Amino acid sequence: MATDQRQRRGRVLRALGLAVLLLVVLATIGAMGLQLSRSSSRVEDLLGSVRPWLWAAQLGCTAVLWLRWKRIVEWLLRTRRISAPASGPLLRARHRLMAAVLLVQLMVGMGLPFSLFDAPTGR
């Protein structure tokens, strides 16, 4: 009984520690955002020049995930994160899931097809 309470207390303390860490990270990001707002034109220029590379990296990660799907599902099964009956439907749904992820990336992340109607910026 005492061991269960210690384990529970340990899990609660870890969760609280992660929550505090998350708050510190979010506060740091907010402070950086306030500092960067003073030099927003430089940040916009930097993001504009890096954006195509970030999109390429995002699509590359999606391609790797798509190609390695079977290994990922096998790893999830081996580490008991999913049950054996769940692996079959996950393997069969590979192309549907990845097509949905790709569609969301293209529409939300890259703004397609709406970004095609923007005026060219010369970059």
PDB file of N, CA and C in Angstrom:
ATOM      1  N   MET A   1       0.813  -1.185   0.000  1.00  0.00           N
ATOM      2  CA  MET A   1       0.000   0.000   0.000  1.00  0.00           C
ATOM      3  C   MET A   1       0.864   1.261   0.000  1.00  0.00           C
ATOM      4  N   ALA A   2       1.904   1.254   0.808  1.00  0.00           N
ATOM      5  CA  ALA A   2       2.783   2.419   0.876  1.00  0.00           C
ATOM      6  C   ALA A   2       3.519   2.613  -0.440  1.00  0.00           C
ATOM      7  N   THR A   3       3.847   1.518  -1.109  1.00  0.00           N
ATOM      8  CA  THR A   3       4.540   1.638  -2.390  1.00  0.00           C
ATOM      9  C   THR A   3       3.632   2.259  -3.438  1.00  0.00           C
ATOM     10  N   ASP A   4       2.333   1.912  -3.431  1.00  0.00           N
ATOM     11  CA  ASP A   4       1.397   2.505  -4.371  1.00  0.00           C
ATOM     12  C   ASP A   4       1.284   4.013  -4.158  1.00  0.00           C
ATOM     13  N   GLN A   5       1.264   4.421  -2.885  1.00  0.00           N
ATOM     14  CA  GLN A   5       1.179   5.852  -2.598  1.00  0.00           C
ATOM     15  C   GLN A   5       2.444   6.568  -3.046  1.00  0.00           C
ATOM     16  N   ARG A   6       3.592   5.961  -2.868  1.00  0.00           N
ATOM     17  CA  ARG A   6       4.847   6.574  -3.321  1.00  0.00           C
ATOM     18  C   ARG A   6       4.868   6.693  -4.841  1.00  0.00           C
ATOM     19  N   GLN A   7       4.433   5.639  -5.513  1.00  0.00           N
ATOM     20  CA  GLN A   7       4.410   5.685  -6.970  1.00  0.00           C
ATOM     21  C   GLN A   7       3.437   6.744  -7.456  1.00  0.00           C
ATOM     22  N   ARG A   8       2.272   6.810  -6.821  1.00  0.00           N
ATOM     23  CA  ARG A   8       1.280   7.813  -7.201  1.00  0.00           C
ATOM     24  C   ARG A   8       1.820   9.218  -6.945  1.00  0.00           C
ATOM     25  N   ARG A   9       2.457   9.410  -5.793  1.00  0.00           N
ATOM     26  CA  ARG A   9       3.035  10.709  -5.450  1.00  0.00           C
ATOM     27  C   ARG A   9       4.121  11.073  -6.457  1.00  0.00           C
ATOM     28  N   GLY A  10       4.927  10.090  -6.841  1.00  0.00           N
ATOM     29  CA  GLY A  10       5.971  10.339  -7.830  1.00  0.00           C
ATOM     30  C   GLY A  10       5.392  10.759  -9.171  1.00  0.00           C
ATOM     31  N   ARG A  11       4.307  10.106  -9.596  1.00  0.00           N
ATOM     32  CA  ARG A  11       3.663  10.473 -10.856  1.00  0.00           C
ATOM     33  C   ARG A  11       3.072  11.873 -10.782  1.00  0.00           C
ATOM     34  N   VAL A  12       2.473  12.206  -9.643  1.00  0.00           N
ATOM     35  CA  VAL A  12       1.890  13.540  -9.477  1.00  0.00           C
ATOM     36  C   VAL A  12       2.980  14.601  -9.498  1.00  0.00           C
ATOM     37  N   LEU A  13       4.084  14.342  -8.797  1.00  0.00           N
ATOM     38  CA  LEU A  13       5.187  15.305  -8.781  1.00  0.00           C
ATOM     39  C   LEU A  13       5.796  15.471 -10.165  1.00  0.00           C
ATOM     40  N   ARG A  14       5.922  14.373 -10.910  1.00  0.00           N
ATOM     41  CA  ARG A  14       6.446  14.482 -12.283  1.00  0.00           C
ATOM     42  C   ARG A  14       5.509  15.299 -13.150  1.00  0.00           C
ATOM     43  N   ALA A  15       4.204  15.066 -13.019  1.00  0.00           N
ATOM     44  CA  ALA A  15       3.227  15.824 -13.802  1.00  0.00           C
ATOM     45  C   ALA A  15       3.280  17.310 -13.447  1.00  0.00           C
ATOM     46  N   LEU A  16       3.391  17.613 -12.148  1.00  0.00           N
ATOM     47  CA  LEU A  16       3.504  19.016 -11.733  1.00  0.00           C
ATOM     48  C   LEU A  16       4.798  19.637 -12.257  1.00  0.00           C
ATOM     49  N   GLY A  17       5.876  18.872 -12.194  1.00  0.00           N
ATOM     50  CA  GLY A  17       7.149  19.372 -12.711  1.00  0.00           C
ATOM     51  C   GLY A  17       7.068  19.661 -14.197  1.00  0.00           C
ATOM     52  N   LEU A  18       6.420  18.773 -14.952  1.00  0.00           N
ATOM     53  CA  LEU A  18       6.260  19.016 -16.383  1.00  0.00           C
ATOM     54  C   LEU A  18       5.371  20.218 -16.653  1.00  0.00           C
ATOM     55  N   ALA A  19       4.337  20.407 -15.823  1.00  0.00           N
ATOM     56  CA  ALA A  19       3.463  21.567 -15.992  1.00  0.00           C
ATOM     57  C   ALA A  19       4.224  22.863 -15.732  1.00  0.00           C
ATOM     58  N   VAL A  20       5.055  22.872 -14.695  1.00  0.00           N
ATOM     59  CA  VAL A  20       5.865  24.060 -14.397  1.00  0.00           C
ATOM     60  C   VAL A  20       6.861  24.316 -15.526  1.00  0.00           C
ATOM     61  N   LEU A  21       7.482  23.248 -16.027  1.00  0.00           N
ATOM     62  CA  LEU A  21       8.421  23.397 -17.133  1.00  0.00           C
ATOM     63  C   LEU A  21       7.722  23.950 -18.366  1.00  0.00           C
ATOM     64  N   LEU A  22       6.515  23.466 -18.651  1.00  0.00           N
ATOM     65  CA  LEU A  22       5.751  23.968 -19.780  1.00  0.00           C
ATOM     66  C   LEU A  22       5.433  25.450 -19.614  1.00  0.00           C
ATOM     67  N   LEU A  23       5.055  25.864 -18.406  1.00  0.00           N
ATOM     68  CA  LEU A  23       4.775  27.276 -18.161  1.00  0.00           C
ATOM     69  C   LEU A  23       6.015  28.138 -18.356  1.00  0.00           C
ATOM     70  N   VAL A  24       7.172  27.649 -17.908  1.00  0.00           N
ATOM     71  CA  VAL A  24       8.417  28.395 -18.082  1.00  0.00           C
ATOM     72  C   VAL A  24       8.751  28.526 -19.570  1.00  0.00           C
ATOM     73  N   VAL A  25       8.585  27.448 -20.318  1.00  0.00           N
ATOM     74  CA  VAL A  25       8.866  27.497 -21.753  1.00  0.00           C
ATOM     75  C   VAL A  25       7.918  28.460 -22.454  1.00  0.00           C
ATOM     76  N   LEU A  26       6.632  28.400 -22.113  1.00  0.00           N
ATOM     77  CA  LEU A  26       5.671  29.311 -22.732  1.00  0.00           C
ATOM     78  C   LEU A  26       5.949  30.763 -22.359  1.00  0.00           C
ATOM     79  N   ALA A  27       6.343  31.017 -21.124  1.00  0.00           N
ATOM     80  CA  ALA A  27       6.684  32.382 -20.719  1.00  0.00           C
ATOM     81  C   ALA A  27       7.913  32.870 -21.473  1.00  0.00           C
ATOM     82  N   THR A  28       8.883  31.992 -21.668  1.00  0.00           N
ATOM     83  CA  THR A  28      10.088  32.366 -22.417  1.00  0.00           C
ATOM     84  C   THR A  28       9.740  32.687 -23.861  1.00  0.00           C
ATOM     85  N   ILE A  29       8.895  31.862 -24.464  1.00  0.00           N
ATOM     86  CA  ILE A  29       8.475  32.128 -25.849  1.00  0.00           C
ATOM     87  C   ILE A  29       7.714  33.444 -25.923  1.00  0.00           C
ATOM     88  N   GLY A  30       6.865  33.716 -24.948  1.00  0.00           N
ATOM     89  CA  GLY A  30       6.140  34.987 -24.929  1.00  0.00           C
ATOM     90  C   GLY A  30       7.066  36.179 -24.794  1.00  0.00           C
ATOM     91  N   ALA A  31       8.079  36.065 -23.920  1.00  0.00           N
ATOM     92  CA  ALA A  31       9.041  37.157 -23.760  1.00  0.00           C
ATOM     93  C   ALA A  31       9.842  37.372 -25.044  1.00  0.00           C
ATOM     94  N   MET A  32      10.206  36.286 -25.680  1.00  0.00           N
ATOM     95  CA  MET A  32      10.933  36.414 -26.952  1.00  0.00           C
ATOM     96  C   MET A  32      10.049  37.063 -28.006  1.00  0.00           C
ATOM     97  N   GLY A  33       8.757  36.715 -27.996  1.00  0.00           N
ATOM     98  CA  GLY A  33       7.830  37.323 -28.941  1.00  0.00           C
ATOM     99  C   GLY A  33       7.696  38.819 -28.727  1.00  0.00           C
ATOM    100  N   LEU A  34       7.683  39.248 -27.455  1.00  0.00           N
ATOM    101  CA  LEU A  34       7.622  40.680 -27.182  1.00  0.00           C
ATOM    102  C   LEU A  34       8.874  41.399 -27.655  1.00  0.00           C
ATOM    103  N   GLN A  35      10.017  40.770 -27.455  1.00  0.00           N
ATOM    104  CA  GLN A  35      11.264  41.378 -27.911  1.00  0.00           C
ATOM    105  C   GLN A  35      11.327  41.428 -29.434  1.00  0.00           C
ATOM    106  N   LEU A  36      10.855  40.374 -30.076  1.00  0.00           N
ATOM    107  CA  LEU A  36      10.923  40.323 -31.530  1.00  0.00           C
ATOM    108  C   LEU A  36       9.906  41.231 -32.198  1.00  0.00           C
ATOM    109  N   SER A  37       8.866  41.619 -31.469  1.00  0.00           N
ATOM    110  CA  SER A  37       7.865  42.494 -32.079  1.00  0.00           C
ATOM    111  C   SER A  37       8.453  43.858 -32.430  1.00  0.00           C
ATOM    112  N   ARG A  38       9.530  44.215 -31.760  1.00  0.00           N
ATOM    113  CA  ARG A  38      10.188  45.489 -32.060  1.00  0.00           C
ATOM    114  C   ARG A  38      10.939  45.434 -33.375  1.00  0.00           C
ATOM    115  N   SER A  39      11.334  44.238 -33.783  1.00  0.00           N
ATOM    116  CA  SER A  39      12.061  44.096 -35.043  1.00  0.00           C
ATOM    117  C   SER A  39      11.301  43.167 -35.972  1.00  0.00           C
ATOM    118  N   SER A  40       9.995  43.390 -36.093  1.00  0.00           N
ATOM    119  CA  SER A  40       9.138  42.465 -36.823  1.00  0.00           C
ATOM    120  C   SER A  40       9.441  42.411 -38.312  1.00  0.00           C
ATOM    121  N   SER A  41       9.875  43.515 -38.911  1.00  0.00           N
ATOM    122  CA  SER A  41      10.146  43.476 -40.348  1.00  0.00           C
ATOM    123  C   SER A  41      11.322  42.555 -40.656  1.00  0.00           C
ATOM    124  N   ARG A  42      12.346  42.564 -39.804  1.00  0.00           N
ATOM    125  CA  ARG A  42      13.475  41.652 -40.024  1.00  0.00           C
ATOM    126  C   ARG A  42      13.058  40.209 -39.833  1.00  0.00           C
ATOM    127  N   VAL A  43      12.207  39.961 -38.845  1.00  0.00           N
ATOM    128  CA  VAL A  43      11.735  38.600 -38.593  1.00  0.00           C
ATOM    129  C   VAL A  43      10.876  38.121 -39.763  1.00  0.00           C
ATOM    130  N   GLU A  44      10.010  38.989 -40.275  1.00  0.00           N
ATOM    131  CA  GLU A  44       9.185  38.627 -41.425  1.00  0.00           C
ATOM    132  C   GLU A  44      10.038  38.312 -42.638  1.00  0.00           C
ATOM    133  N   ASP A  45      11.099  39.084 -42.861  1.00  0.00           N
ATOM    134  CA  ASP A  45      11.997  38.813 -43.978  1.00  0.00           C
ATOM    135  C   ASP A  45      12.691  37.473 -43.809  1.00  0.00           C
ATOM    136  N   LEU A  46      13.139  37.203 -42.590  1.00  0.00           N
ATOM    137  CA  LEU A  46      13.800  35.927 -42.322  1.00  0.00           C
ATOM    138  C   LEU A  46      12.843  34.766 -42.530  1.00  0.00           C
ATOM    139  N   LEU A  47      11.637  34.874 -41.981  1.00  0.00           N
ATOM    140  CA  LEU A  47      10.665  33.800 -42.152  1.00  0.00           C
ATOM    141  C   LEU A  47      10.267  33.627 -43.612  1.00  0.00           C
ATOM    142  N   GLY A  48      10.170  34.709 -44.336  1.00  0.00           N
ATOM    143  CA  GLY A  48       9.829  34.620 -45.754  1.00  0.00           C
ATOM    144  C   GLY A  48      10.887  33.887 -46.549  1.00  0.00           C
ATOM    145  N   SER A  49      12.146  34.073 -46.195  1.00  0.00           N
ATOM    146  CA  SER A  49      13.205  33.397 -46.937  1.00  0.00           C
ATOM    147  C   SER A  49      13.391  31.947 -46.509  1.00  0.00           C
ATOM    148  N   VAL A  50      13.018  31.622 -45.278  1.00  0.00           N
ATOM    149  CA  VAL A  50      13.204  30.260 -44.761  1.00  0.00           C
ATOM    150  C   VAL A  50      11.975  29.387 -45.003  1.00  0.00           C
ATOM    151  N   ARG A  51      10.830  29.992 -45.216  1.00  0.00           N
ATOM    152  CA  ARG A  51       9.567  29.256 -45.324  1.00  0.00           C
ATOM    153  C   ARG A  51       9.604  28.109 -46.339  1.00  0.00           C
ATOM    154  N   PRO A  52      10.107  28.286 -47.560  1.00  0.00           N
ATOM    155  CA  PRO A  52      10.133  27.140 -48.489  1.00  0.00           C
ATOM    156  C   PRO A  52      10.957  25.961 -47.974  1.00  0.00           C
ATOM    157  N   TRP A  53      12.033  26.237 -47.267  1.00  0.00           N
ATOM    158  CA  TRP A  53      12.850  25.159 -46.711  1.00  0.00           C
ATOM    159  C   TRP A  53      12.113  24.442 -45.589  1.00  0.00           C
ATOM    160  N   LEU A  54      11.370  25.194 -44.781  1.00  0.00           N
ATOM    161  CA  LEU A  54      10.579  24.571 -43.719  1.00  0.00           C
ATOM    162  C   LEU A  54       9.468  23.700 -44.298  1.00  0.00           C
ATOM    163  N   TRP A  55       8.849  24.176 -45.381  1.00  0.00           N
ATOM    164  CA  TRP A  55       7.822  23.372 -46.040  1.00  0.00           C
ATOM    165  C   TRP A  55       8.427  22.088 -46.595  1.00  0.00           C
ATOM    166  N   ALA A  56       9.598  22.199 -47.207  1.00  0.00           N
ATOM    167  CA  ALA A  56      10.265  21.011 -47.756  1.00  0.00           C
ATOM    168  C   ALA A  56      10.606  20.016 -46.644  1.00  0.00           C
ATOM    169  N   ALA A  57      11.079  20.518 -45.507  1.00  0.00           N
ATOM    170  CA  ALA A  57      11.399  19.634 -44.383  1.00  0.00           C
ATOM    171  C   ALA A  57      10.136  18.962 -43.852  1.00  0.00           C
ATOM    172  N   GLN A  58       9.043  19.707 -43.777  1.00  0.00           N
ATOM    173  CA  GLN A  58       7.779  19.157 -43.303  1.00  0.00           C
ATOM    174  C   GLN A  58       7.289  18.056 -44.244  1.00  0.00           C
ATOM    175  N   LEU A  59       7.345  18.300 -45.540  1.00  0.00           N
ATOM    176  CA  LEU A  59       6.918  17.285 -46.495  1.00  0.00           C
ATOM    177  C   LEU A  59       7.858  16.086 -46.477  1.00  0.00           C
ATOM    178  N   GLY A  60       9.138  16.323 -46.251  1.00  0.00           N
ATOM    179  CA  GLY A  60      10.098  15.224 -46.140  1.00  0.00           C
ATOM    180  C   GLY A  60       9.799  14.344 -44.940  1.00  0.00           C
ATOM    181  N   CYS A  61       9.472  14.956 -43.812  1.00  0.00           N
ATOM    182  CA  CYS A  61       9.111  14.179 -42.613  1.00  0.00           C
ATOM    183  C   CYS A  61       7.847  13.358 -42.861  1.00  0.00           C
ATOM    184  N   THR A  62       6.894  13.939 -43.567  1.00  0.00           N
ATOM    185  CA  THR A  62       5.677  13.201 -43.890  1.00  0.00           C
ATOM    186  C   THR A  62       5.991  12.021 -44.797  1.00  0.00           C
ATOM    187  N   ALA A  63       6.879  12.212 -45.767  1.00  0.00           N
ATOM    188  CA  ALA A  63       7.258  11.122 -46.669  1.00  0.00           C
ATOM    189  C   ALA A  63       7.949  10.000 -45.906  1.00  0.00           C
ATOM    190  N   VAL A  64       8.835  10.349 -44.981  1.00  0.00           N
ATOM    191  CA  VAL A  64       9.518   9.328 -44.180  1.00  0.00           C
ATOM    192  C   VAL A  64       8.511   8.566 -43.331  1.00  0.00           C
ATOM    193  N   LEU A  65       7.577   9.276 -42.729  1.00  0.00           N
ATOM    194  CA  LEU A  65       6.533   8.634 -41.927  1.00  0.00           C
ATOM    195  C   LEU A  65       5.705   7.688 -42.785  1.00  0.00           C
ATOM    196  N   TRP A  66       5.371   8.124 -43.989  1.00  0.00           N
ATOM    197  CA  TRP A  66       4.575   7.314 -44.905  1.00  0.00           C
ATOM    198  C   TRP A  66       5.332   6.044 -45.293  1.00  0.00           C
ATOM    199  N   LEU A  67       6.606   6.194 -45.620  1.00  0.00           N
ATOM    200  CA  LEU A  67       7.402   5.048 -46.063  1.00  0.00           C
ATOM    201  C   LEU A  67       7.720   4.076 -44.929  1.00  0.00           C
ATOM    202  N   ARG A  68       7.859   4.571 -43.718  1.00  0.00           N
ATOM    203  CA  ARG A  68       8.226   3.735 -42.572  1.00  0.00           C
ATOM    204  C   ARG A  68       7.026   3.338 -41.707  1.00  0.00           C
ATOM    205  N   TRP A  69       5.822   3.492 -42.228  1.00  0.00           N
ATOM    206  CA  TRP A  69       4.614   3.256 -41.450  1.00  0.00           C
ATOM    207  C   TRP A  69       4.585   1.854 -40.852  1.00  0.00           C
ATOM    208  N   LYS A  70       4.948   0.846 -41.651  1.00  0.00           N
ATOM    209  CA  LYS A  70       4.892  -0.529 -41.156  1.00  0.00           C
ATOM    210  C   LYS A  70       5.837  -0.712 -39.967  1.00  0.00           C
ATOM    211  N   ARG A  71       7.037  -0.173 -40.061  1.00  0.00           N
ATOM    212  CA  ARG A  71       7.987  -0.280 -38.948  1.00  0.00           C
ATOM    213  C   ARG A  71       7.489   0.462 -37.708  1.00  0.00           C
ATOM    214  N   ILE A  72       6.849   1.588 -37.919  1.00  0.00           N
ATOM    215  CA  ILE A  72       6.329   2.365 -36.786  1.00  0.00           C
ATOM    216  C   ILE A  72       5.234   1.577 -36.071  1.00  0.00           C
ATOM    217  N   VAL A  73       4.325   0.979 -36.830  1.00  0.00           N
ATOM    218  CA  VAL A  73       3.245   0.191 -36.223  1.00  0.00           C
ATOM    219  C   VAL A  73       3.831  -1.024 -35.513  1.00  0.00           C
ATOM    220  N   GLU A  74       4.836  -1.662 -36.123  1.00  0.00           N
ATOM    221  CA  GLU A  74       5.474  -2.806 -35.463  1.00  0.00           C
ATOM    222  C   GLU A  74       6.140  -2.377 -34.160  1.00  0.00           C
ATOM    223  N   TRP A  75       6.772  -1.200 -34.141  1.00  0.00           N
ATOM    224  CA  TRP A  75       7.397  -0.695 -32.916  1.00  0.00           C
ATOM    225  C   TRP A  75       6.334  -0.414 -31.851  1.00  0.00           C
ATOM    226  N   LEU A  76       5.224   0.189 -32.257  1.00  0.00           N
ATOM    227  CA  LEU A  76       4.142   0.450 -31.310  1.00  0.00           C
ATOM    228  C   LEU A  76       3.604  -0.847 -30.713  1.00  0.00           C
ATOM    229  N   LEU A  77       3.506  -1.877 -31.544  1.00  0.00           N
ATOM    230  CA  LEU A  77       3.037  -3.176 -31.068  1.00  0.00           C
ATOM    231  C   LEU A  77       4.071  -3.814 -30.146  1.00  0.00           C
ATOM    232  N   ARG A  78       5.337  -3.721 -30.508  1.00  0.00           N
ATOM    233  CA  ARG A  78       6.404  -4.312 -29.709  1.00  0.00           C
ATOM    234  C   ARG A  78       6.525  -3.648 -28.341  1.00  0.00           C
ATOM    235  N   THR A  79       6.330  -2.354 -28.279  1.00  0.00           N
ATOM    236  CA  THR A  79       6.428  -1.636 -27.002  1.00  0.00           C
ATOM    237  C   THR A  79       5.096  -1.598 -26.255  1.00  0.00           C
ATOM    238  N   ARG A  80       4.107  -2.300 -26.802  1.00  0.00           N
ATOM    239  CA  ARG A  80       2.785  -2.439 -26.187  1.00  0.00           C
ATOM    240  C   ARG A  80       2.045  -1.113 -26.024  1.00  0.00           C
ATOM    241  N   ARG A  81       2.242  -0.222 -26.958  1.00  0.00           N
ATOM    242  CA  ARG A  81       1.497   1.035 -26.961  1.00  0.00           C
ATOM    243  C   ARG A  81       0.151   0.860 -27.676  1.00  0.00           C
ATOM    244  N   ILE A  82       0.067  -0.171 -28.516  1.00  0.00           N
ATOM    245  CA  ILE A  82      -1.196  -0.539 -29.148  1.00  0.00           C
ATOM    246  C   ILE A  82      -1.385  -2.033 -28.969  1.00  0.00           C
ATOM    247  N   SER A  83      -2.608  -2.483 -29.096  1.00  0.00           N
ATOM    248  CA  SER A  83      -2.883  -3.919 -28.953  1.00  0.00           C
ATOM    249  C   SER A  83      -2.701  -4.600 -30.313  1.00  0.00           C
ATOM    250  N   ALA A  84      -2.571  -5.904 -30.289  1.00  0.00           N
ATOM    251  CA  ALA A  84      -2.375  -6.677 -31.517  1.00  0.00           C
ATOM    252  C   ALA A  84      -3.542  -6.514 -32.493  1.00  0.00           C
ATOM    253  N   PRO A  85      -4.801  -6.530 -32.020  1.00  0.00           N
ATOM    254  CA  PRO A  85      -5.900  -6.343 -32.980  1.00  0.00           C
ATOM    255  C   PRO A  85      -5.908  -4.952 -33.626  1.00  0.00           C
ATOM    256  N   ALA A  86      -5.301  -3.966 -32.987  1.00  0.00           N
ATOM    257  CA  ALA A  86      -5.300  -2.608 -33.551  1.00  0.00           C
ATOM    258  C   ALA A  86      -4.253  -2.434 -34.646  1.00  0.00           C
ATOM    259  N   SER A  87      -3.274  -3.322 -34.711  1.00  0.00           N
ATOM    260  CA  SER A  87      -2.203  -3.141 -35.700  1.00  0.00           C
ATOM    261  C   SER A  87      -2.701  -3.368 -37.123  1.00  0.00           C
ATOM    262  N   GLY A  88      -3.617  -4.321 -37.303  1.00  0.00           N
ATOM    263  CA  GLY A  88      -4.145  -4.592 -38.647  1.00  0.00           C
ATOM    264  C   GLY A  88      -4.850  -3.392 -39.254  1.00  0.00           C
ATOM    265  N   PRO A  89      -5.821  -2.804 -38.555  1.00  0.00           N
ATOM    266  CA  PRO A  89      -6.478  -1.617 -39.114  1.00  0.00           C
ATOM    267  C   PRO A  89      -5.521  -0.441 -39.336  1.00  0.00           C
ATOM    268  N   LEU A  90      -4.524  -0.290 -38.459  1.00  0.00           N
ATOM    269  CA  LEU A  90      -3.556   0.794 -38.664  1.00  0.00           C
ATOM    270  C   LEU A  90      -2.746   0.567 -39.930  1.00  0.00           C
ATOM    271  N   LEU A  91      -2.354  -0.671 -40.163  1.00  0.00           N
ATOM    272  CA  LEU A  91      -1.585  -0.965 -41.373  1.00  0.00           C
ATOM    273  C   LEU A  91      -2.444  -0.778 -42.626  1.00  0.00           C
ATOM    274  N   ARG A  92      -3.713  -1.171 -42.550  1.00  0.00           N
ATOM    275  CA  ARG A  92      -4.592  -1.020 -43.714  1.00  0.00           C
ATOM    276  C   ARG A  92      -4.952   0.443 -43.975  1.00  0.00           C
ATOM    277  N   ALA A  93      -4.962   1.264 -42.937  1.00  0.00           N
ATOM    278  CA  ALA A  93      -5.361   2.670 -43.086  1.00  0.00           C
ATOM    279  C   ALA A  93      -4.187   3.586 -43.406  1.00  0.00           C
ATOM    280  N   ARG A  94      -3.042   3.014 -43.684  1.00  0.00           N
ATOM    281  CA  ARG A  94      -1.812   3.798 -43.907  1.00  0.00           C
ATOM    282  C   ARG A  94      -2.000   4.893 -44.947  1.00  0.00           C
ATOM    283  N   HIS A  95      -2.462   4.534 -46.123  1.00  0.00           N
ATOM    284  CA  HIS A  95      -2.560   5.517 -47.199  1.00  0.00           C
ATOM    285  C   HIS A  95      -3.648   6.553 -46.935  1.00  0.00           C
ATOM    286  N   ARG A  96      -4.743   6.131 -46.338  1.00  0.00           N
ATOM    287  CA  ARG A  96      -5.812   7.095 -46.014  1.00  0.00           C
ATOM    288  C   ARG A  96      -5.340   8.100 -44.972  1.00  0.00           C
ATOM    289  N   LEU A  97      -4.671   7.612 -43.931  1.00  0.00           N
ATOM    290  CA  LEU A  97      -4.182   8.505 -42.883  1.00  0.00           C
ATOM    291  C   LEU A  97      -3.136   9.477 -43.417  1.00  0.00           C
ATOM    292  N   MET A  98      -2.199   8.957 -44.197  1.00  0.00           N
ATOM    293  CA  MET A  98      -1.129   9.825 -44.705  1.00  0.00           C
ATOM    294  C   MET A  98      -1.663  10.821 -45.730  1.00  0.00           C
ATOM    295  N   ALA A  99      -2.652  10.411 -46.523  1.00  0.00           N
ATOM    296  CA  ALA A  99      -3.262  11.358 -47.464  1.00  0.00           C
ATOM    297  C   ALA A  99      -3.973  12.471 -46.706  1.00  0.00           C
ATOM    298  N   ALA A 100      -4.620  12.126 -45.598  1.00  0.00           N
ATOM    299  CA  ALA A 100      -5.292  13.148 -44.785  1.00  0.00           C
ATOM    300  C   ALA A 100      -4.264  14.088 -44.152  1.00  0.00           C
ATOM    301  N   VAL A 101      -3.158  13.535 -43.645  1.00  0.00           N
ATOM    302  CA  VAL A 101      -2.100  14.370 -43.060  1.00  0.00           C
ATOM    303  C   VAL A 101      -1.514  15.291 -44.120  1.00  0.00           C
ATOM    304  N   LEU A 102      -1.264  14.763 -45.309  1.00  0.00           N
ATOM    305  CA  LEU A 102      -0.707  15.576 -46.393  1.00  0.00           C
ATOM    306  C   LEU A 102      -1.675  16.683 -46.802  1.00  0.00           C
ATOM    307  N   LEU A 103      -2.956  16.365 -46.875  1.00  0.00           N
ATOM    308  CA  LEU A 103      -3.958  17.363 -47.223  1.00  0.00           C
ATOM    309  C   LEU A 103      -4.015  18.476 -46.182  1.00  0.00           C
ATOM    310  N   VAL A 104      -3.973  18.112 -44.906  1.00  0.00           N
ATOM    311  CA  VAL A 104      -3.988  19.119 -43.845  1.00  0.00           C
ATOM    312  C   VAL A 104      -2.733  19.982 -43.919  1.00  0.00           C
ATOM    313  N   GLN A 105      -1.586  19.375 -44.177  1.00  0.00           N
ATOM    314  CA  GLN A 105      -0.350  20.148 -44.295  1.00  0.00           C
ATOM    315  C   GLN A 105      -0.422  21.130 -45.452  1.00  0.00           C
ATOM    316  N   LEU A 106      -0.926  20.683 -46.581  1.00  0.00           N
ATOM    317  CA  LEU A 106      -1.000  21.558 -47.747  1.00  0.00           C
ATOM    318  C   LEU A 106      -1.983  22.698 -47.539  1.00  0.00           C
ATOM    319  N   MET A 107      -3.108  22.412 -46.890  1.00  0.00           N
ATOM    320  CA  MET A 107      -4.127  23.456 -46.728  1.00  0.00           C
ATOM    321  C   MET A 107      -3.838  24.381 -45.559  1.00  0.00           C
ATOM    322  N   VAL A 108      -3.471  23.825 -44.418  1.00  0.00           N
ATOM    323  CA  VAL A 108      -3.277  24.653 -43.226  1.00  0.00           C
ATOM    324  C   VAL A 108      -1.857  25.209 -43.181  1.00  0.00           C
ATOM    325  N   GLY A 109      -0.884  24.342 -43.324  1.00  0.00           N
ATOM    326  CA  GLY A 109       0.505  24.767 -43.198  1.00  0.00           C
ATOM    327  C   GLY A 109       0.990  25.632 -44.335  1.00  0.00           C
ATOM    328  N   MET A 110       0.635  25.264 -45.554  1.00  0.00           N
ATOM    329  CA  MET A 110       1.149  25.982 -46.715  1.00  0.00           C
ATOM    330  C   MET A 110       0.122  26.899 -47.351  1.00  0.00           C
ATOM    331  N   GLY A 111      -1.116  26.805 -46.917  1.00  0.00           N
ATOM    332  CA  GLY A 111      -2.140  27.713 -47.415  1.00  0.00           C
ATOM    333  C   GLY A 111      -2.601  27.421 -48.825  1.00  0.00           C
ATOM    334  N   LEU A 112      -2.333  26.222 -49.334  1.00  0.00           N
ATOM    335  CA  LEU A 112      -2.803  25.892 -50.670  1.00  0.00           C
ATOM    336  C   LEU A 112      -4.290  25.586 -50.602  1.00  0.00           C
ATOM    337  N   PRO A 113      -5.073  25.914 -51.521  1.00  0.00           N
ATOM    338  CA  PRO A 113      -4.812  26.572 -52.788  1.00  0.00           C
ATOM    339  C   PRO A 113      -4.870  28.092 -52.705  1.00  0.00           C
ATOM    340  N   PHE A 114      -5.126  28.625 -51.482  1.00  0.00           N
ATOM    341  CA  PHE A 114      -5.349  30.067 -51.351  1.00  0.00           C
ATOM    342  C   PHE A 114      -4.083  30.878 -51.575  1.00  0.00           C
ATOM    343  N   SER A 115      -2.914  30.313 -51.274  1.00  0.00           N
ATOM    344  CA  SER A 115      -1.677  31.064 -51.475  1.00  0.00           C
ATOM    345  C   SER A 115      -1.368  31.235 -52.957  1.00  0.00           C
ATOM    346  N   LEU A 116      -2.028  30.473 -53.806  1.00  0.00           N
ATOM    347  CA  LEU A 116      -1.800  30.633 -55.249  1.00  0.00           C
ATOM    348  C   LEU A 116      -2.383  31.927 -55.782  1.00  0.00           C
ATOM    349  N   PHE A 117      -3.322  32.510 -55.032  1.00  0.00           N
ATOM    350  CA  PHE A 117      -3.970  33.732 -55.474  1.00  0.00           C
ATOM    351  C   PHE A 117      -3.271  34.988 -54.949  1.00  0.00           C
ATOM    352  N   ASP A 118      -2.249  34.836 -54.118  1.00  0.00           N
ATOM    353  CA  ASP A 118      -1.521  35.991 -53.589  1.00  0.00           C
ATOM    354  C   ASP A 118      -0.679  36.628 -54.694  1.00  0.00           C
ATOM    355  N   ALA A 119      -0.424  37.907 -54.519  1.00  0.00           N
ATOM    356  CA  ALA A 119       0.454  38.597 -55.454  1.00  0.00           C
ATOM    357  C   ALA A 119       1.882  38.146 -55.185  1.00  0.00           C
ATOM    358  N   PRO A 120       2.697  37.980 -56.226  1.00  0.00           N
ATOM    359  CA  PRO A 120       4.088  37.575 -56.017  1.00  0.00           C
ATOM    360  C   PRO A 120       4.846  38.641 -55.240  1.00  0.00           C
ATOM    361  N   THR A 121       5.708  38.204 -54.328  1.00  0.00           N
ATOM    362  CA  THR A 121       6.435  39.145 -53.477  1.00  0.00           C
ATOM    363  C   THR A 121       7.859  39.370 -53.960  1.00  0.00           C
ATOM    364  N   GLY A 122       8.290  38.666 -54.981  1.00  0.00           N
ATOM    365  CA  GLY A 122       9.630  38.866 -55.495  1.00  0.00           C
ATOM    366  C   GLY A 122      10.680  38.056 -54.791  1.00  0.00           C
ATOM    367  N   ARG A 123      10.302  37.127 -53.939  1.00  0.00           N
ATOM    368  CA  ARG A 123      11.276  36.278 -53.245  1.00  0.00           C
ATOM    369  C   ARG A 123      11.469  34.992 -53.963  1.00  0.00           C
TER     370      ARG A 123
END
